[in-house]
Amino acid sequence: MKNAVRAHREDANLSQGELAEAVGVTRQTINAIERERYDPSLELAFKLAAHFECRVEDLFDPELDADSTA
């Protein structure tokens, strides 16, 4: 899933470790999210959005297919 976590983290002048500590995960988890190799749980997505004081949609783009009828 495409995301803007790295951009928000860098704008906040935080290291991956500092962000990880703030939301209760490991630095490796933040790294995997930023590299789009791991999709966070809904709970973690909301924690990240709360930390950056933005909407989940501002951080994550699920790239839903326009023809999808989920």
PDB file of N, CA and C in Angstrom:
ATOM      1  N   MET A   1       0.839  -1.164   0.000  1.00  0.00           N
ATOM      2  CA  MET A   1       0.000   0.000   0.000  1.00  0.00           C
ATOM      3  C   MET A   1       0.894   1.241   0.000  1.00  0.00           C
ATOM      4  N   LYS A   2       0.580   2.161  -0.865  1.00  0.00           N
ATOM      5  CA  LYS A   2       1.329   3.419  -0.913  1.00  0.00           C
ATOM      6  C   LYS A   2       1.083   4.189   0.376  1.00  0.00           C
ATOM      7  N   ASN A   3       2.122   4.875   0.848  1.00  0.00           N
ATOM      8  CA  ASN A   3       1.939   5.661   2.060  1.00  0.00           C
ATOM      9  C   ASN A   3       2.879   6.856   2.098  1.00  0.00           C
ATOM     10  N   ALA A   4       2.553   7.778   3.002  1.00  0.00           N
ATOM     11  CA  ALA A   4       3.337   9.000   3.165  1.00  0.00           C
ATOM     12  C   ALA A   4       3.953   9.061   4.563  1.00  0.00           C
ATOM     13  N   VAL A   5       4.190   7.910   5.160  1.00  0.00           N
ATOM     14  CA  VAL A   5       4.728   7.881   6.522  1.00  0.00           C
ATOM     15  C   VAL A   5       6.113   8.512   6.564  1.00  0.00           C
ATOM     16  N   ARG A   6       6.979   8.152   5.625  1.00  0.00           N
ATOM     17  CA  ARG A   6       8.337   8.712   5.637  1.00  0.00           C
ATOM     18  C   ARG A   6       8.303  10.234   5.536  1.00  0.00           C
ATOM     19  N   ALA A   7       7.488  10.761   4.631  1.00  0.00           N
ATOM     20  CA  ALA A   7       7.406  12.216   4.455  1.00  0.00           C
ATOM     21  C   ALA A   7       6.932  12.891   5.742  1.00  0.00           C
ATOM     22  N   HIS A   8       5.916  12.339   6.378  1.00  0.00           N
ATOM     23  CA  HIS A   8       5.419  12.917   7.630  1.00  0.00           C
ATOM     24  C   HIS A   8       6.481  12.808   8.724  1.00  0.00           C
ATOM     25  N   ARG A   9       7.164  11.679   8.783  1.00  0.00           N
ATOM     26  CA  ARG A   9       8.209  11.490   9.804  1.00  0.00           C
ATOM     27  C   ARG A   9       9.342  12.486   9.609  1.00  0.00           C
ATOM     28  N   GLU A  10       9.782  12.637   8.367  1.00  0.00           N
ATOM     29  CA  GLU A  10      10.878  13.567   8.092  1.00  0.00           C
ATOM     30  C   GLU A  10      10.448  15.009   8.358  1.00  0.00           C
ATOM     31  N   ASP A  11       9.198  15.355   8.000  1.00  0.00           N
ATOM     32  CA  ASP A  11       8.693  16.708   8.282  1.00  0.00           C
ATOM     33  C   ASP A  11       8.687  16.996   9.782  1.00  0.00           C
ATOM     34  N   ALA A  12       8.444  15.937  10.579  1.00  0.00           N
ATOM     35  CA  ALA A  12       8.423  16.085  12.036  1.00  0.00           C
ATOM     36  C   ALA A  12       9.823  15.961  12.642  1.00  0.00           C
ATOM     37  N   ASN A  13      10.822  15.757  11.779  1.00  0.00           N
ATOM     38  CA  ASN A  13      12.217  15.639  12.222  1.00  0.00           C
ATOM     39  C   ASN A  13      12.399  14.504  13.227  1.00  0.00           C
ATOM     40  N   LEU A  14      11.778  13.355  12.928  1.00  0.00           N
ATOM     41  CA  LEU A  14      11.879  12.178  13.788  1.00  0.00           C
ATOM     42  C   LEU A  14      12.686  11.087  13.098  1.00  0.00           C
ATOM     43  N   SER A  15      13.404  10.307  13.883  1.00  0.00           N
ATOM     44  CA  SER A  15      14.048   9.111  13.346  1.00  0.00           C
ATOM     45  C   SER A  15      13.011   7.994  13.316  1.00  0.00           C
ATOM     46  N   GLN A  16      13.323   6.926  12.606  1.00  0.00           N
ATOM     47  CA  GLN A  16      12.418   5.781  12.601  1.00  0.00           C
ATOM     48  C   GLN A  16      12.254   5.238  14.019  1.00  0.00           C
ATOM     49  N   GLY A  17      13.336   5.198  14.765  1.00  0.00           N
ATOM     50  CA  GLY A  17      13.284   4.702  16.139  1.00  0.00           C
ATOM     51  C   GLY A  17      12.408   5.556  17.037  1.00  0.00           C
ATOM     52  N   GLU A  18      12.503   6.860  16.892  1.00  0.00           N
ATOM     53  CA  GLU A  18      11.676   7.760  17.699  1.00  0.00           C
ATOM     54  C   GLU A  18      10.194   7.592  17.384  1.00  0.00           C
ATOM     55  N   LEU A  19       9.866   7.470  16.096  1.00  0.00           N
ATOM     56  CA  LEU A  19       8.474   7.257  15.709  1.00  0.00           C
ATOM     57  C   LEU A  19       7.986   5.908  16.214  1.00  0.00           C
ATOM     58  N   ALA A  20       8.825   4.899  16.069  1.00  0.00           N
ATOM     59  CA  ALA A  20       8.451   3.557  16.529  1.00  0.00           C
ATOM     60  C   ALA A  20       8.131   3.573  18.023  1.00  0.00           C
ATOM     61  N   GLU A  21       8.974   4.217  18.809  1.00  0.00           N
ATOM     62  CA  GLU A  21       8.752   4.286  20.249  1.00  0.00           C
ATOM     63  C   GLU A  21       7.452   5.021  20.562  1.00  0.00           C
ATOM     64  N   ALA A  22       7.179   6.077  19.816  1.00  0.00           N
ATOM     65  CA  ALA A  22       5.981   6.884  20.065  1.00  0.00           C
ATOM     66  C   ALA A  22       4.688   6.110  19.814  1.00  0.00           C
ATOM     67  N   VAL A  23       4.718   5.167  18.866  1.00  0.00           N
ATOM     68  CA  VAL A  23       3.492   4.416  18.535  1.00  0.00           C
ATOM     69  C   VAL A  23       3.533   2.974  19.011  1.00  0.00           C
ATOM     70  N   GLY A  24       4.605   2.577  19.688  1.00  0.00           N
ATOM     71  CA  GLY A  24       4.662   1.266  20.319  1.00  0.00           C
ATOM     72  C   GLY A  24       4.998   0.099  19.411  1.00  0.00           C
ATOM     73  N   VAL A  25       5.860   0.334  18.430  1.00  0.00           N
ATOM     74  CA  VAL A  25       6.317  -0.751  17.556  1.00  0.00           C
ATOM     75  C   VAL A  25       7.838  -0.691  17.451  1.00  0.00           C
ATOM     76  N   THR A  26       8.429  -1.595  16.674  1.00  0.00           N
ATOM     77  CA  THR A  26       9.876  -1.579  16.491  1.00  0.00           C
ATOM     78  C   THR A  26      10.267  -0.670  15.323  1.00  0.00           C
ATOM     79  N   ARG A  27      11.520  -0.274  15.323  1.00  0.00           N
ATOM     80  CA  ARG A  27      12.036   0.521  14.208  1.00  0.00           C
ATOM     81  C   ARG A  27      11.893  -0.245  12.909  1.00  0.00           C
ATOM     82  N   GLN A  28      12.084  -1.561  12.971  1.00  0.00           N
ATOM     83  CA  GLN A  28      11.976  -2.390  11.769  1.00  0.00           C
ATOM     84  C   GLN A  28      10.564  -2.340  11.185  1.00  0.00           C
ATOM     85  N   THR A  29       9.561  -2.230  12.043  1.00  0.00           N
ATOM     86  CA  THR A  29       8.179  -2.127  11.560  1.00  0.00           C
ATOM     87  C   THR A  29       7.988  -0.824  10.800  1.00  0.00           C
ATOM     88  N   ILE A  30       8.495   0.266  11.346  1.00  0.00           N
ATOM     89  CA  ILE A  30       8.376   1.565  10.658  1.00  0.00           C
ATOM     90  C   ILE A  30       9.122   1.499   9.328  1.00  0.00           C
ATOM     91  N   ASN A  31      10.303   0.906   9.316  1.00  0.00           N
ATOM     92  CA  ASN A  31      11.073   0.768   8.089  1.00  0.00           C
ATOM     93  C   ASN A  31      10.290  -0.022   7.043  1.00  0.00           C
ATOM     94  N   ALA A  32       9.681  -1.126   7.447  1.00  0.00           N
ATOM     95  CA  ALA A  32       8.923  -1.962   6.513  1.00  0.00           C
ATOM     96  C   ALA A  32       7.703  -1.223   5.966  1.00  0.00           C
ATOM     97  N   ILE A  33       7.034  -0.440   6.806  1.00  0.00           N
ATOM     98  CA  ILE A  33       5.889   0.350   6.342  1.00  0.00           C
ATOM     99  C   ILE A  33       6.355   1.379   5.324  1.00  0.00           C
ATOM    100  N   GLU A  34       7.420   2.104   5.648  1.00  0.00           N
ATOM    101  CA  GLU A  34       7.924   3.136   4.737  1.00  0.00           C
ATOM    102  C   GLU A  34       8.364   2.560   3.400  1.00  0.00           C
ATOM    103  N   ARG A  35       8.889   1.348   3.411  1.00  0.00           N
ATOM    104  CA  ARG A  35       9.342   0.711   2.172  1.00  0.00           C
ATOM    105  C   ARG A  35       8.214  -0.025   1.453  1.00  0.00           C
ATOM    106  N   GLU A  36       7.004   0.105   2.007  1.00  0.00           N
ATOM    107  CA  GLU A  36       5.796  -0.503   1.434  1.00  0.00           C
ATOM    108  C   GLU A  36       5.910  -2.015   1.341  1.00  0.00           C
ATOM    109  N   ARG A  37       6.574  -2.603   2.324  1.00  0.00           N
ATOM    110  CA  ARG A  37       6.704  -4.063   2.408  1.00  0.00           C
ATOM    111  C   ARG A  37       5.795  -4.643   3.479  1.00  0.00           C
ATOM    112  N   TYR A  38       5.130  -3.764   4.224  1.00  0.00           N
ATOM    113  CA  TYR A  38       4.249  -4.202   5.310  1.00  0.00           C
ATOM    114  C   TYR A  38       3.099  -3.223   5.417  1.00  0.00           C
ATOM    115  N   ASP A  39       1.883  -3.744   5.437  1.00  0.00           N
ATOM    116  CA  ASP A  39       0.702  -2.918   5.659  1.00  0.00           C
ATOM    117  C   ASP A  39       0.375  -2.976   7.144  1.00  0.00           C
ATOM    118  N   PRO A  40       0.295  -1.819   7.788  1.00  0.00           N
ATOM    119  CA  PRO A  40       0.036  -1.821   9.231  1.00  0.00           C
ATOM    120  C   PRO A  40      -1.380  -2.274   9.555  1.00  0.00           C
ATOM    121  N   SER A  41      -1.555  -2.724  10.782  1.00  0.00           N
ATOM    122  CA  SER A  41      -2.896  -3.032  11.260  1.00  0.00           C
ATOM    123  C   SER A  41      -3.704  -1.737  11.288  1.00  0.00           C
ATOM    124  N   LEU A  42      -4.999  -1.877  11.358  1.00  0.00           N
ATOM    125  CA  LEU A  42      -5.859  -0.703  11.455  1.00  0.00           C
ATOM    126  C   LEU A  42      -5.522   0.102  12.705  1.00  0.00           C
ATOM    127  N   GLU A  43      -5.271  -0.597  13.799  1.00  0.00           N
ATOM    128  CA  GLU A  43      -4.912   0.076  15.048  1.00  0.00           C
ATOM    129  C   GLU A  43      -3.631   0.897  14.891  1.00  0.00           C
ATOM    130  N   LEU A  44      -2.614   0.323  14.252  1.00  0.00           N
ATOM    131  CA  LEU A  44      -1.357   1.043  14.055  1.00  0.00           C
ATOM    132  C   LEU A  44      -1.535   2.217  13.098  1.00  0.00           C
ATOM    133  N   ALA A  45      -2.328   2.029  12.064  1.00  0.00           N
ATOM    134  CA  ALA A  45      -2.587   3.128  11.127  1.00  0.00           C
ATOM    135  C   ALA A  45      -3.219   4.312  11.859  1.00  0.00           C
ATOM    136  N   PHE A  46      -4.164   4.034  12.757  1.00  0.00           N
ATOM    137  CA  PHE A  46      -4.792   5.103  13.524  1.00  0.00           C
ATOM    138  C   PHE A  46      -3.813   5.734  14.513  1.00  0.00           C
ATOM    139  N   LYS A  47      -2.932   4.941  15.113  1.00  0.00           N
ATOM    140  CA  LYS A  47      -1.925   5.491  16.025  1.00  0.00           C
ATOM    141  C   LYS A  47      -0.990   6.436  15.269  1.00  0.00           C
ATOM    142  N   LEU A  48      -0.579   6.031  14.080  1.00  0.00           N
ATOM    143  CA  LEU A  48       0.301   6.885  13.271  1.00  0.00           C
ATOM    144  C   LEU A  48      -0.410   8.187  12.897  1.00  0.00           C
ATOM    145  N   ALA A  49      -1.652   8.075  12.470  1.00  0.00           N
ATOM    146  CA  ALA A  49      -2.408   9.272  12.102  1.00  0.00           C
ATOM    147  C   ALA A  49      -2.586  10.195  13.311  1.00  0.00           C
ATOM    148  N   ALA A  50      -2.874   9.622  14.464  1.00  0.00           N
ATOM    149  CA  ALA A  50      -3.027  10.434  15.670  1.00  0.00           C
ATOM    150  C   ALA A  50      -1.714  11.119  16.025  1.00  0.00           C
ATOM    151  N   HIS A  51      -0.620  10.381  15.886  1.00  0.00           N
ATOM    152  CA  HIS A  51       0.690  10.965  16.206  1.00  0.00           C
ATOM    153  C   HIS A  51       0.980  12.173  15.312  1.00  0.00           C
ATOM    154  N   PHE A  52       0.643  12.055  14.026  1.00  0.00           N
ATOM    155  CA  PHE A  52       0.911  13.141  13.083  1.00  0.00           C
ATOM    156  C   PHE A  52      -0.245  14.134  12.982  1.00  0.00           C
ATOM    157  N   GLU A  53      -1.289  13.905  13.785  1.00  0.00           N
ATOM    158  CA  GLU A  53      -2.457  14.780  13.796  1.00  0.00           C
ATOM    159  C   GLU A  53      -3.019  14.979  12.393  1.00  0.00           C
ATOM    160  N   CYS A  54      -3.244  13.836  11.728  1.00  0.00           N
ATOM    161  CA  CYS A  54      -3.822  13.859  10.389  1.00  0.00           C
ATOM    162  C   CYS A  54      -4.791  12.690  10.255  1.00  0.00           C
ATOM    163  N   ARG A  55      -5.425  12.598   9.116  1.00  0.00           N
ATOM    164  CA  ARG A  55      -6.345  11.494   8.852  1.00  0.00           C
ATOM    165  C   ARG A  55      -5.563  10.282   8.358  1.00  0.00           C
ATOM    166  N   VAL A  56      -6.091   9.103   8.591  1.00  0.00           N
ATOM    167  CA  VAL A  56      -5.470   7.878   8.076  1.00  0.00           C
ATOM    168  C   VAL A  56      -5.298   7.994   6.559  1.00  0.00           C
ATOM    169  N   GLU A  57      -6.298   8.573   5.899  1.00  0.00           N
ATOM    170  CA  GLU A  57      -6.258   8.727   4.451  1.00  0.00           C
ATOM    171  C   GLU A  57      -5.124   9.635   3.984  1.00  0.00           C
ATOM    172  N   ASP A  58      -4.642  10.506   4.872  1.00  0.00           N
ATOM    173  CA  ASP A  58      -3.510  11.372   4.539  1.00  0.00           C
ATOM    174  C   ASP A  58      -2.200  10.586   4.548  1.00  0.00           C
ATOM    175  N   LEU A  59      -2.171   9.470   5.265  1.00  0.00           N
ATOM    176  CA  LEU A  59      -0.966   8.650   5.360  1.00  0.00           C
ATOM    177  C   LEU A  59      -0.958   7.471   4.400  1.00  0.00           C
ATOM    178  N   PHE A  60      -2.139   6.875   4.185  1.00  0.00           N
ATOM    179  CA  PHE A  60      -2.206   5.623   3.420  1.00  0.00           C
ATOM    180  C   PHE A  60      -3.165   5.717   2.249  1.00  0.00           C
ATOM    181  N   ASP A  61      -2.749   5.175   1.110  1.00  0.00           N
ATOM    182  CA  ASP A  61      -3.580   5.099  -0.097  1.00  0.00           C
ATOM    183  C   ASP A  61      -3.677   3.636  -0.491  1.00  0.00           C
ATOM    184  N   PRO A  62      -4.832   3.019  -0.280  1.00  0.00           N
ATOM    185  CA  PRO A  62      -4.959   1.590  -0.578  1.00  0.00           C
ATOM    186  C   PRO A  62      -4.977   1.256  -2.069  1.00  0.00           C
ATOM    187  N   GLU A  63      -4.980   2.253  -2.925  1.00  0.00           N
ATOM    188  CA  GLU A  63      -5.004   2.037  -4.382  1.00  0.00           C
ATOM    189  C   GLU A  63      -6.131   1.095  -4.779  1.00  0.00           C
ATOM    190  N   LEU A  64      -7.321   1.373  -4.280  1.00  0.00           N
ATOM    191  CA  LEU A  64      -8.455   0.533  -4.607  1.00  0.00           C
ATOM    192  C   LEU A  64      -8.782   0.607  -6.085  1.00  0.00           C
ATOM    193  N   ASP A  65      -9.108  -0.531  -6.668  1.00  0.00           N
ATOM    194  CA  ASP A  65      -9.513  -0.592  -8.070  1.00  0.00           C
ATOM    195  C   ASP A  65     -10.851   0.096  -8.207  1.00  0.00           C
ATOM    196  N   ALA A  66     -10.974   1.000  -9.150  1.00  0.00           N
ATOM    197  CA  ALA A  66     -12.217   1.740  -9.357  1.00  0.00           C
ATOM    198  C   ALA A  66     -13.383   0.823  -9.674  1.00  0.00           C
ATOM    199  N   ASP A  67     -13.120  -0.347 -10.250  1.00  0.00           N
ATOM    200  CA  ASP A  67     -14.175  -1.287 -10.606  1.00  0.00           C
ATOM    201  C   ASP A  67     -14.519  -2.239  -9.471  1.00  0.00           C
ATOM    202  N   SER A  68     -13.810  -2.125  -8.352  1.00  0.00           N
ATOM    203  CA  SER A  68     -14.023  -3.033  -7.225  1.00  0.00           C
ATOM    204  C   SER A  68     -15.369  -2.752  -6.574  1.00  0.00           C
ATOM    205  N   THR A  69     -16.070  -3.808  -6.222  1.00  0.00           N
ATOM    206  CA  THR A  69     -17.358  -3.659  -5.548  1.00  0.00           C
ATOM    207  C   THR A  69     -17.314  -4.366  -4.205  1.00  0.00           C
ATOM    208  N   ALA A  70     -16.236  -4.155  -3.468  1.00  0.00           N
ATOM    209  CA  ALA A  70     -16.065  -4.807  -2.155  1.00  0.00           C
ATOM    210  C   ALA A  70     -17.113  -4.331  -1.280  1.00  0.00           C
TER     211      ALA A  70
END
